[in-house]
Protein backbone atom coordinates (compact mmCIF):
# COMPACT_ATOMS: atom_id res chain seq x y z
CA MET A 1 62.92 -57.19 -16.63
CA ARG A 2 60.02 -55.23 -15.20
CA VAL A 3 58.21 -56.78 -12.22
CA SER A 4 55.11 -55.40 -10.48
CA ARG A 5 52.05 -56.43 -8.46
CA ARG A 6 48.83 -55.95 -10.38
CA MET A 7 45.15 -56.79 -10.44
CA LEU A 8 44.30 -58.64 -13.64
CA THR A 9 41.08 -59.55 -15.42
CA GLY A 10 40.19 -60.97 -18.79
CA TRP A 11 38.47 -59.00 -21.53
CA GLY A 12 35.15 -59.54 -19.78
CA ARG A 13 36.44 -57.56 -16.75
CA THR A 14 35.06 -60.08 -14.26
CA ALA A 15 36.77 -61.91 -11.36
CA PRO A 16 39.90 -59.75 -10.89
CA THR A 17 42.81 -61.35 -9.03
CA LEU A 18 46.15 -60.05 -7.76
CA ALA A 19 49.43 -61.48 -9.06
CA THR A 20 53.09 -60.65 -9.49
CA VAL A 21 53.58 -59.70 -13.15
CA ALA A 22 56.97 -60.08 -14.84
CA ARG A 23 57.66 -58.99 -18.41
CA PRO A 24 60.36 -61.25 -19.93
CA ARG A 25 61.95 -60.24 -23.20
CA THR A 26 63.82 -63.43 -24.12
CA PRO A 27 63.34 -67.21 -23.79
CA ASP A 28 66.23 -67.24 -21.31
CA GLU A 29 64.34 -64.87 -19.02
CA VAL A 30 61.24 -67.06 -19.32
CA ALA A 31 63.30 -70.12 -18.38
CA LEU A 32 64.76 -68.32 -15.35
CA LEU A 33 61.33 -67.28 -14.10
CA LEU A 34 59.89 -70.78 -14.47
CA ARG A 35 62.87 -72.42 -12.76
CA GLU A 36 62.62 -70.01 -9.83
CA THR A 37 58.90 -70.68 -9.54
CA GLY A 38 59.48 -74.42 -9.49
CA GLN A 39 62.26 -74.18 -6.91
CA GLY A 40 60.23 -72.29 -4.32
CA GLY A 41 59.29 -68.66 -4.61
CA MET A 42 55.69 -68.93 -5.70
CA ALA A 43 55.57 -72.70 -6.21
CA GLN A 44 52.35 -73.00 -4.22
CA ARG A 45 50.47 -70.71 -6.61
CA GLY A 46 52.39 -71.35 -9.83
CA ALA A 47 52.83 -69.29 -12.99
CA ILE A 48 51.03 -68.68 -16.28
CA ALA A 49 51.77 -66.79 -19.50
CA ARG A 50 49.67 -63.83 -20.67
CA GLY A 51 49.52 -62.08 -24.03
CA LEU A 52 47.30 -59.07 -24.72
CA GLY A 53 44.57 -60.09 -22.26
CA ARG A 54 41.85 -60.92 -24.80
CA SER A 55 40.74 -64.18 -23.22
CA TYR A 56 37.36 -63.21 -21.82
CA GLY A 57 37.71 -65.02 -18.50
CA ASP A 58 40.48 -66.09 -16.14
CA ALA A 59 42.75 -68.12 -18.45
CA ALA A 60 45.66 -65.63 -18.16
CA GLN A 61 45.36 -64.92 -14.44
CA CYS A 62 47.10 -66.62 -11.50
CA ALA A 63 45.86 -65.37 -8.14
CA GLY A 64 48.76 -64.98 -5.71
CA GLY A 65 51.23 -66.39 -8.22
CA LEU A 66 53.32 -65.23 -11.16
CA VAL A 67 52.01 -64.00 -14.52
CA LEU A 68 54.49 -63.75 -17.38
CA ASP A 69 53.43 -60.82 -19.56
CA CYS A 70 54.75 -62.01 -22.93
CA ALA A 71 53.91 -58.93 -25.02
CA ASP A 72 57.64 -58.08 -25.19
CA LEU A 73 58.78 -61.65 -25.79
CA GLY A 74 61.01 -61.17 -28.78
CA PRO A 75 58.46 -59.39 -30.98
CA GLY A 76 59.16 -59.74 -34.67
CA PHE A 77 58.91 -62.23 -37.51
CA ARG A 78 60.74 -63.56 -40.55
CA ILE A 79 59.12 -64.81 -43.75
CA ASP A 80 60.40 -67.75 -45.80
CA PRO A 81 59.07 -67.17 -49.34
CA ALA A 82 60.34 -70.57 -50.49
CA THR A 83 57.91 -72.38 -48.18
CA ALA A 84 55.29 -69.61 -47.75
CA THR A 85 55.77 -69.76 -44.00
CA VAL A 86 56.54 -67.27 -41.26
CA THR A 87 58.34 -67.68 -37.95
CA ALA A 88 56.95 -65.19 -35.45
CA ALA A 89 57.92 -64.50 -31.86
CA ALA A 90 55.23 -65.27 -29.30
CA GLY A 91 54.76 -61.62 -28.35
CA THR A 92 54.03 -60.51 -31.91
CA SER A 93 50.44 -59.33 -32.27
CA LEU A 94 48.22 -60.30 -35.17
CA ALA A 95 47.84 -56.57 -35.87
CA GLU A 96 51.58 -56.13 -36.31
CA LEU A 97 51.94 -59.37 -38.23
CA THR A 98 49.05 -58.65 -40.60
CA ARG A 99 50.46 -55.28 -41.59
CA GLY A 100 53.91 -56.76 -42.21
CA LEU A 101 52.68 -59.81 -44.10
CA LEU A 102 50.42 -57.88 -46.45
CA ALA A 103 53.38 -55.84 -47.62
CA HIS A 104 54.80 -59.12 -48.95
CA GLY A 105 51.52 -60.45 -50.37
CA TYR A 106 50.54 -62.78 -47.53
CA PHE A 107 47.77 -63.01 -44.98
CA ILE A 108 47.36 -64.91 -41.70
CA PRO A 109 45.74 -68.32 -42.36
CA VAL A 110 43.29 -67.92 -39.46
CA THR A 111 42.25 -64.67 -37.80
CA PRO A 112 39.73 -64.34 -34.94
CA GLY A 113 37.33 -61.49 -34.20
CA THR A 114 40.12 -59.23 -32.92
CA ARG A 115 43.60 -58.47 -34.22
CA HIS A 116 44.82 -57.71 -30.68
CA VAL A 117 46.00 -61.27 -30.00
CA THR A 118 49.58 -62.51 -29.73
CA ILE A 119 50.95 -65.48 -31.63
CA GLY A 120 51.46 -67.29 -28.33
CA GLY A 121 47.81 -66.70 -27.48
CA ALA A 122 46.70 -67.80 -30.94
CA VAL A 123 48.34 -71.18 -30.41
CA GLY A 124 47.43 -71.54 -26.74
CA ALA A 125 43.74 -70.95 -27.48
CA ASP A 126 43.90 -72.62 -30.92
CA ILE A 127 41.95 -69.70 -32.32
CA HIS A 128 39.41 -70.06 -35.10
CA GLY A 129 37.88 -67.60 -37.52
CA LYS A 130 35.27 -67.18 -40.21
CA ASN A 131 37.05 -69.72 -42.41
CA HIS A 132 37.04 -72.75 -40.11
CA HIS A 133 34.68 -74.62 -42.44
CA VAL A 134 37.44 -74.69 -45.09
CA SER A 135 40.71 -73.96 -43.24
CA GLY A 136 40.34 -75.30 -39.72
CA SER A 137 41.81 -73.70 -36.61
CA PHE A 138 45.18 -71.98 -36.17
CA GLY A 139 46.93 -75.15 -35.00
CA THR A 140 46.18 -76.82 -38.33
CA HIS A 141 48.66 -74.45 -39.99
CA VAL A 142 51.47 -74.57 -37.40
CA ARG A 143 54.61 -76.46 -38.42
CA SER A 144 56.66 -76.06 -35.25
CA LEU A 145 56.75 -74.33 -31.87
CA GLY A 146 59.46 -73.03 -29.57
CA LEU A 147 58.41 -73.90 -26.04
CA VAL A 148 59.99 -73.31 -22.63
CA ALA A 149 58.96 -76.19 -20.38
CA PRO A 150 58.12 -75.65 -16.71
CA ASP A 151 61.59 -76.85 -15.67
CA GLY A 152 63.19 -74.16 -17.83
CA THR A 153 64.32 -76.42 -20.68
CA VAL A 154 63.66 -75.31 -24.24
CA HIS A 155 61.79 -77.64 -26.59
CA ARG A 156 61.14 -77.61 -30.32
CA THR A 157 57.92 -79.42 -31.05
CA GLY A 158 55.54 -79.87 -33.95
CA PRO A 159 53.04 -82.24 -35.55
CA GLU A 160 55.90 -84.62 -36.37
CA ARG A 161 58.21 -83.88 -33.42
CA ASP A 162 56.77 -84.96 -30.07
CA PRO A 163 53.27 -84.62 -31.49
CA GLU A 164 51.65 -85.39 -28.14
CA LEU A 165 53.28 -82.31 -26.61
CA PHE A 166 52.50 -80.21 -29.69
CA TRP A 167 48.79 -81.04 -29.68
CA ALA A 168 48.55 -80.72 -25.89
CA THR A 169 50.04 -77.22 -26.22
CA THR A 170 47.74 -76.29 -29.12
CA GLY A 171 44.58 -75.23 -27.33
CA GLY A 172 46.20 -76.11 -23.99
CA MET A 173 45.68 -72.61 -22.54
CA GLY A 174 49.35 -72.16 -21.63
CA LEU A 175 49.46 -75.10 -19.21
CA THR A 176 52.16 -77.22 -20.91
CA GLY A 177 54.84 -74.56 -21.36
CA VAL A 178 55.45 -70.98 -22.43
CA ILE A 179 55.43 -70.58 -26.21
CA THR A 180 58.31 -68.44 -27.46
CA GLU A 181 57.78 -68.62 -31.23
CA ALA A 182 55.78 -70.41 -33.89
CA THR A 183 56.37 -71.29 -37.53
CA PHE A 184 53.20 -71.56 -39.60
CA ASP A 185 51.86 -71.51 -43.15
CA LEU A 186 50.76 -68.30 -44.86
CA LEU A 187 47.95 -67.52 -47.27
CA PRO A 188 49.05 -65.70 -50.46
CA VAL A 189 46.77 -62.76 -51.34
CA GLU A 190 46.79 -60.10 -54.05
CA THR A 191 44.89 -57.35 -52.22
CA ALA A 192 43.95 -56.19 -48.72
CA SER A 193 40.24 -56.45 -49.57
CA VAL A 194 37.51 -59.06 -49.78
CA ARG A 195 34.39 -59.32 -51.93
CA VAL A 196 31.37 -59.79 -49.67
CA ASP A 197 27.99 -61.36 -50.41
CA THR A 198 25.20 -60.54 -47.94
CA ASP A 199 21.83 -62.18 -47.34
CA ARG A 200 19.27 -61.16 -44.76
CA THR A 201 17.81 -64.35 -43.27
CA PRO A 202 14.30 -64.26 -41.77
CA ASP A 203 14.86 -66.87 -39.03
CA LEU A 204 17.41 -69.31 -37.63
CA ASP A 205 16.42 -72.26 -39.79
CA SER A 206 16.84 -70.13 -42.93
CA ALA A 207 20.35 -69.15 -41.83
CA LEU A 208 21.34 -72.75 -41.11
CA ALA A 209 19.99 -73.91 -44.46
CA LEU A 210 21.67 -71.15 -46.47
CA MET A 211 25.01 -71.63 -44.73
CA SER A 212 24.86 -75.39 -45.29
CA ALA A 213 24.09 -74.91 -48.97
CA THR A 214 26.58 -72.15 -49.82
CA ASP A 215 29.41 -71.90 -47.27
CA ASP A 216 31.74 -74.15 -49.23
CA ASP A 217 31.71 -71.62 -52.08
CA TYR A 218 33.35 -69.04 -49.81
CA THR A 219 36.55 -68.75 -47.81
CA TYR A 220 34.80 -66.84 -45.02
CA SER A 221 31.28 -67.03 -43.60
CA VAL A 222 29.56 -65.64 -40.50
CA CYS A 223 25.98 -64.83 -39.53
CA TRP A 224 24.96 -62.14 -37.06
CA ILE A 225 21.86 -63.25 -35.12
CA ASP A 226 19.21 -61.03 -33.55
CA LEU A 227 18.67 -62.76 -30.21
CA LEU A 228 15.83 -60.45 -29.19
CA ALA A 229 13.60 -61.30 -32.15
CA ARG A 230 10.77 -63.66 -31.22
CA GLY A 231 7.99 -65.68 -32.81
CA ALA A 232 8.39 -66.37 -36.52
CA ALA A 233 11.45 -64.07 -36.59
CA THR A 234 13.38 -65.95 -33.87
CA GLY A 235 17.03 -66.12 -34.84
CA ARG A 236 16.71 -63.80 -37.84
CA GLY A 237 20.10 -62.69 -39.05
CA VAL A 238 22.49 -61.15 -41.51
CA LEU A 239 24.74 -63.65 -43.29
CA THR A 240 27.97 -62.36 -44.81
CA ARG A 241 30.33 -64.53 -46.87
CA ALA A 242 33.51 -63.46 -48.60
CA ASN A 243 36.44 -64.38 -50.80
CA HIS A 244 39.69 -62.48 -51.22
CA ALA A 245 39.56 -59.81 -53.89
CA VAL A 246 42.01 -59.55 -56.80
CA PRO A 247 43.32 -56.26 -58.22
CA ALA A 248 40.75 -56.26 -61.04
CA ASP A 249 38.01 -56.12 -58.39
CA LEU A 250 39.33 -52.83 -56.98
CA PRO A 251 38.31 -49.36 -58.10
CA PRO A 252 41.05 -47.58 -60.10
CA ARG A 253 42.07 -45.37 -57.16
CA MET A 254 43.06 -48.45 -55.12
CA ARG A 255 44.89 -50.43 -57.79
CA SER A 256 48.18 -48.60 -57.35
CA ALA A 257 48.46 -49.93 -53.78
CA PRO A 258 46.25 -53.04 -53.65
CA LEU A 259 47.90 -54.41 -50.50
CA ARG A 260 47.61 -51.25 -48.44
CA TYR A 261 46.25 -52.16 -45.02
CA ARG A 262 43.64 -49.85 -43.53
CA ALA A 263 42.99 -50.44 -39.82
CA ARG A 264 41.55 -47.46 -38.00
CA GLU A 265 40.33 -46.74 -34.49
CA LEU A 266 37.30 -44.54 -35.03
CA ALA A 267 36.34 -43.95 -31.41
CA GLY A 268 37.14 -44.74 -27.80
CA THR A 269 34.77 -45.81 -25.05
CA PRO A 270 34.66 -43.57 -21.96
CA ARG A 271 36.52 -44.94 -18.95
CA ARG A 272 33.36 -44.94 -16.90
CA VAL A 273 30.13 -46.15 -18.43
CA PRO A 274 26.98 -46.14 -16.29
CA PRO A 275 25.48 -49.52 -15.41
CA GLY A 276 22.59 -50.69 -17.54
CA LEU A 277 23.50 -48.83 -20.73
CA LEU A 278 23.09 -52.08 -22.66
CA ASN A 279 19.68 -53.35 -21.65
CA THR A 280 16.84 -55.20 -23.35
CA TRP A 281 15.30 -52.02 -24.78
CA SER A 282 18.48 -50.34 -26.05
CA VAL A 283 19.79 -53.55 -27.60
CA ARG A 284 16.40 -54.40 -29.10
CA ALA A 285 16.41 -51.00 -30.84
CA PHE A 286 20.00 -51.50 -32.06
CA ASN A 287 19.29 -55.01 -33.35
CA ALA A 288 16.12 -53.93 -35.16
CA ALA A 289 17.95 -51.04 -36.83
CA TYR A 290 20.92 -53.21 -37.79
CA TYR A 291 18.69 -55.86 -39.33
CA ALA A 292 16.57 -53.32 -41.22
CA ARG A 293 19.65 -51.53 -42.57
CA ALA A 294 21.30 -54.72 -43.86
CA PRO A 295 20.79 -55.53 -47.55
CA VAL A 296 18.15 -58.16 -48.26
CA LEU A 297 20.53 -59.50 -50.90
CA GLN A 298 23.82 -57.97 -52.04
CA ARG A 299 26.63 -59.43 -54.11
CA GLY A 300 30.29 -58.50 -54.53
CA ALA A 301 30.55 -55.55 -52.14
CA LEU A 302 34.16 -54.58 -51.59
CA GLN A 303 35.36 -54.39 -47.99
CA ASP A 304 38.81 -53.93 -46.46
CA LEU A 305 40.18 -56.72 -44.28
CA ALA A 306 40.05 -54.79 -41.01
CA SER A 307 36.40 -53.84 -41.44
CA PHE A 308 35.36 -57.35 -42.39
CA PHE A 309 37.30 -59.26 -39.73
CA HIS A 310 37.62 -56.83 -36.84
CA PRO A 311 34.80 -54.26 -36.80
CA LEU A 312 34.78 -53.95 -33.00
CA ASP A 313 38.50 -53.13 -32.92
CA ALA A 314 37.56 -49.75 -34.38
CA VAL A 315 36.02 -48.91 -30.98
CA ARG A 316 38.80 -48.81 -28.42
CA GLY A 317 37.79 -50.37 -25.10
CA TRP A 318 34.35 -51.47 -26.33
CA ASN A 319 34.12 -53.98 -23.47
CA ARG A 320 33.52 -51.04 -21.11
CA LEU A 321 30.12 -50.49 -22.73
CA TYR A 322 28.80 -53.25 -20.47
CA GLY A 323 29.44 -51.16 -17.37
CA PRO A 324 31.53 -51.77 -14.24
CA ARG A 325 30.34 -55.35 -13.74
CA GLY A 326 31.68 -56.42 -17.12
CA LEU A 327 30.43 -58.99 -19.60
CA VAL A 328 30.30 -62.72 -20.13
CA GLN A 329 30.79 -64.27 -23.52
CA TYR A 330 29.18 -67.67 -23.87
CA GLN A 331 30.49 -69.55 -26.88
CA PHE A 332 29.53 -73.13 -27.49
CA ALA A 333 29.65 -75.64 -30.32
CA VAL A 334 27.33 -78.55 -31.05
CA PRO A 335 27.78 -81.26 -33.70
CA PHE A 336 25.87 -81.43 -36.94
CA GLY A 337 22.62 -83.23 -36.25
CA GLN A 338 22.16 -81.37 -32.95
CA GLU A 339 20.56 -78.25 -34.41
CA ALA A 340 17.66 -78.68 -31.98
CA ALA A 341 19.98 -77.88 -29.07
CA LEU A 342 21.20 -74.73 -30.83
CA ARG A 343 17.66 -73.71 -31.67
CA ARG A 344 16.49 -74.21 -28.08
CA ILE A 345 19.27 -72.01 -26.70
CA VAL A 346 18.42 -69.24 -29.19
CA GLU A 347 14.74 -69.49 -28.27
CA THR A 348 15.53 -69.38 -24.54
CA LEU A 349 17.73 -66.29 -24.90
CA ALA A 350 15.01 -64.55 -26.93
CA ALA A 351 12.33 -65.44 -24.37
CA ALA A 352 14.54 -64.17 -21.54
CA GLY A 353 15.08 -60.82 -23.31
CA ALA A 354 18.83 -61.28 -22.94
CA PRO A 355 20.42 -58.08 -24.30
CA SER A 356 23.10 -59.19 -26.75
CA PHE A 357 24.03 -57.06 -29.74
CA LEU A 358 26.98 -59.35 -30.50
CA ALA A 359 25.76 -62.85 -31.36
CA VAL A 360 27.54 -64.63 -34.18
CA LEU A 361 26.90 -68.00 -35.75
CA LYS A 362 29.54 -69.95 -37.68
CA ARG A 363 29.83 -73.36 -39.26
CA PHE A 364 32.80 -75.45 -38.18
CA GLY A 365 34.70 -77.99 -40.27
CA PRO A 366 36.85 -80.87 -38.96
CA GLY A 367 38.71 -80.48 -35.67
CA THR A 368 42.32 -81.32 -34.81
CA PRO A 369 44.00 -84.00 -32.67
CA ALA A 370 44.39 -81.41 -29.87
CA PRO A 371 42.52 -82.72 -26.78
CA LEU A 372 41.49 -79.24 -25.56
CA SER A 373 40.89 -77.59 -28.92
CA PHE A 374 37.39 -76.15 -29.09
CA PRO A 375 36.14 -76.55 -32.69
CA LEU A 376 34.29 -79.68 -33.76
CA PRO A 377 32.33 -80.36 -36.97
CA GLY A 378 29.08 -78.51 -36.40
CA TRP A 379 27.74 -75.12 -35.37
CA THR A 380 29.11 -72.52 -32.99
CA LEU A 381 27.31 -69.54 -31.48
CA ALA A 382 29.06 -66.80 -29.49
CA VAL A 383 26.96 -64.45 -27.37
CA ASP A 384 28.03 -61.43 -25.29
CA LEU A 385 25.85 -60.75 -22.22
CA PRO A 386 26.06 -58.26 -19.32
CA ALA A 387 27.61 -60.02 -16.32
CA ASP A 388 25.00 -58.51 -14.00
CA LEU A 389 22.03 -59.81 -15.99
CA PRO A 390 19.54 -61.22 -13.43
CA GLY A 391 19.43 -65.02 -13.53
CA LEU A 392 22.43 -65.28 -15.86
CA ALA A 393 24.31 -67.90 -13.84
CA GLY A 394 21.38 -70.32 -13.79
CA LEU A 395 20.58 -69.69 -17.44
CA LEU A 396 24.12 -70.51 -18.56
CA ARG A 397 24.31 -73.58 -16.33
CA SER A 398 21.21 -74.91 -18.08
CA PHE A 399 22.91 -74.24 -21.42
CA ASP A 400 26.01 -76.15 -20.26
CA GLU A 401 23.83 -79.18 -19.54
CA ARG A 402 22.13 -78.94 -22.92
CA VAL A 403 25.42 -78.48 -24.80
CA ALA A 404 27.10 -81.39 -23.00
CA ALA A 405 24.11 -83.65 -23.64
CA ALA A 406 24.35 -82.78 -27.34
CA GLY A 407 28.02 -83.80 -27.45
CA GLY A 408 29.17 -80.19 -27.66
CA ARG A 409 31.48 -77.97 -25.64
CA VAL A 410 32.20 -74.42 -24.50
CA TYR A 411 35.29 -72.47 -25.55
CA LEU A 412 37.83 -72.28 -22.72
CA ALA A 413 39.32 -69.03 -24.07
CA LYS A 414 35.94 -67.36 -23.64
CA ASP A 415 34.78 -69.12 -20.47
CA SER A 416 34.67 -67.34 -17.11
CA ARG A 417 32.06 -69.24 -15.13
CA ALA A 418 31.62 -72.92 -16.03
CA GLY A 419 32.11 -75.66 -13.46
CA PRO A 420 34.52 -78.59 -13.66
CA GLU A 421 31.90 -81.31 -13.99
CA ALA A 422 30.35 -79.78 -17.09
CA VAL A 423 33.68 -79.04 -18.79
CA HIS A 424 35.08 -82.51 -18.05
CA ALA A 425 32.03 -84.00 -19.76
CA MET A 426 32.49 -81.72 -22.77
CA TYR A 427 36.16 -82.61 -23.30
CA PRO A 428 36.30 -86.42 -23.24
CA ARG A 429 40.03 -86.48 -24.07
CA LEU A 430 40.97 -84.47 -21.01
CA ASP A 431 42.76 -87.43 -19.41
CA ALA A 432 45.05 -87.79 -22.44
CA TRP A 433 45.93 -84.10 -22.14
CA ARG A 434 46.58 -84.48 -18.41
CA ARG A 435 49.06 -87.30 -19.04
CA VAL A 436 51.14 -85.02 -21.28
CA ARG A 437 50.91 -82.19 -18.78
CA GLU A 438 52.08 -84.45 -15.95
CA ARG A 439 55.01 -85.59 -18.09
CA VAL A 440 56.26 -82.07 -18.80
CA ASP A 441 55.16 -80.41 -15.53
CA PRO A 442 55.29 -82.97 -12.70
CA LYS A 443 55.63 -80.21 -10.08
CA GLY A 444 52.55 -78.35 -11.30
CA VAL A 445 54.43 -75.11 -11.95
CA LEU A 446 52.05 -73.88 -14.65
CA ARG A 447 48.66 -72.98 -13.22
CA SER A 448 45.97 -70.42 -13.84
CA ASP A 449 42.75 -69.29 -12.24
CA LEU A 450 40.92 -71.12 -15.04
CA ALA A 451 42.88 -74.35 -14.42
CA ARG A 452 42.07 -74.23 -10.71
CA ARG A 453 38.39 -73.40 -11.29
CA LEU A 454 37.93 -76.21 -13.81
CA GLU A 455 40.22 -78.68 -12.00
CA LEU A 456 42.26 -79.26 -15.11
């Protein structure tokens, strides 16, 4: 297998660290690497798995240790039509899987805001999408996992087979073992398109009310928020909700190939982007134009899956737009009944002139038994901000306090800067997760920069 020394960052391009990177291709090679790590080698610094590097922070980094690049880990999948399930290797990307599944009339049950995520990463971060209010997170649909434990033994686990290990692994950020494959349920579809209803909402309260009243009529729902609007327009947004289209919804030219998947890269970001390109004034102009261009009310617009779910994937390397210092994504969730905490954070960001063109609001349904899974019944807001924004660290610390006090939490797959005290308060079942981790990894072989920073 290929082995090299490399500097690694997350998608936010902050806090780079140097590690030895190995690229295993089989579960046996994973087991060998973990055994060697536990027996000496890099035992002091440990090892962690990495997929396509789309965690925003340091979850897939291990400074001075070993990183297992799992992108080549047995890529591929097999569909079982009798059970409407698929078994996919951990290194299989959602992009590859989506294209293959649609050819057979299926879609992934949960897809996040990018298709450049591996199946192993989808489980490890327990990803969620625009359909959480009706379908839950990815782990809800998983029937079983192949897992290489830190001592090199191979486990098969699931909701009914060592469920404690299964739920500790789901959302466990790779710290209970290296996932090698997953079997999960599929969603039958008739086309590669959705029918989209759009409403322009004049303020945050209007968005919350409309989502509460209508989300359950749709499979997917998300609201873009203008975080630079102030006064009566604070939190104004564009709410889009969708259901899967059927062939009769398509124009005649598309009916001969209703499941054709169209996923294009329209542009690439230059390697070097000057600092400050995304600032309060440029983002304010973008947000105002985006809001003005959106339909006040539109029903039944046809949109292909890639455009609806993954618009930013059309711009290769879009994270470089934030300049050499990178970006921070702050994603938090607060329970229903704590809308005041959400509203206060939106108002504070607007007052600070925080330049975010990507701010998305979703409504979560029930969570899972996974102790470190992020979603909880309530509201989630994800905000991208330049990492070099003056006063950002203090601003986000104040948000951590407000979120924790509201009984909410931040998303570990997006986090790059929180402290252990805040995160421990946000995840009250952390001790239960630690007990499982200590059972399967008594030597502490699996570690990451995130685990060290948050004292997990």
